């Protein structure tokens, strides 16, 4: 095991999660006790979660490409530049160990929508404040979205009224602030994950799938699996974050 890999795995919470299940499950049941060195089997995905405040990225800046370094230098807010640099470096370190190559040898190809692609591995990332999620799959087009920043009820209702289906919006209006926050983030992250899995982004969130069927589900912290006409995946939350993933059904 390389020194880089030991650093990455010491910082990460790593989960091996099925794409489908008949029952909700505790995410800790999926926690990996040993580092993952092989791509997930066809029925599962690997989810990596990081607290970016615990990662010193400076010794790894040299593994970034010239293009990546140039894009980072254009970010004028220092904290955001640092978070994005850490996210990109951790992504390279993870992919390098799955692919058994040096992190600096990874050459991303970018689709028409700007989504990075590698030929023999599927991946997607999302970060919110100090949290980073990296989703890995062997064959599917995938998407992940994470939210950890607090929003007021006023902001939640404003966003929901603008972007959510009427059934989703109406369900939010009558919840207490905590339940409203949880349900809003679940629906929002589900929509973003579904869009990201198809290669589009937040600018089309008002065209994302309708997740109003989740309204009747219990708002606990277990993984909830879902399936729509075009997508499937799972969603969960804890006291720090809400996260959802999606792939084609």
Foldseek 3Di string as FASTA:
>chain_A
DDPLQVLLVVFKFKFKAFQDDPDFAARVVRTDPDDDQEAHDQGTKMKIKGQQVPDDCVVPLVLDDPVVVVVLVVDPDVLVSSQVSSQLSSVLSVVCSNVVHHSSPDDWDADPLRDTDDDQWEWEWEDERRMIMIMIHGDFQKFKYKYFDDDFPVVLLVVCVVQADPLLSVLLVPDPGVVSRQSSQQLQGQQQGQQNSVPHGDVCSSVGDHPSVCSPPDQDFTWDWDDDPFKTGIWGDDNGMTMTMITTD
